[in-house]
């Protein structure tokens, strides 16, 4: 199995995941040639029928982390998050996520003209 650690600085990514129509697990995987490191003895013969095998290396429930992995060239797929896991993650988000207050931007018409300084 895989271990999942939650971090307060990723709370926004968890929130974004839960806000999606279908919250999910993000699974980062790589194609590996040295499959004997990853496959149990019972499955090795079947696995050897392929030149490479997709091996999960990392799991996450953070939308932002998945985006960073994809930006870094990694392969990331998603698997639907069960209702039980989504509820557990929602509890964490409720406790740790505080959205940043939206900053009010002044409309361009109130900023004034950009005029050069006259001599």
Foldseek 3Di string as FASTA:
>chain_A
DDDEDDDLVLLVQLVVLLVDPFRWKKWWWDWDQPCVVPDDPVCVVVVVVDRTDIDTDDIYRGNVVSVVCVVVVIDIDIDTDDPVVNVVSVVVSVVRPDDDDDDDDDPPVPPDDDDDDDD
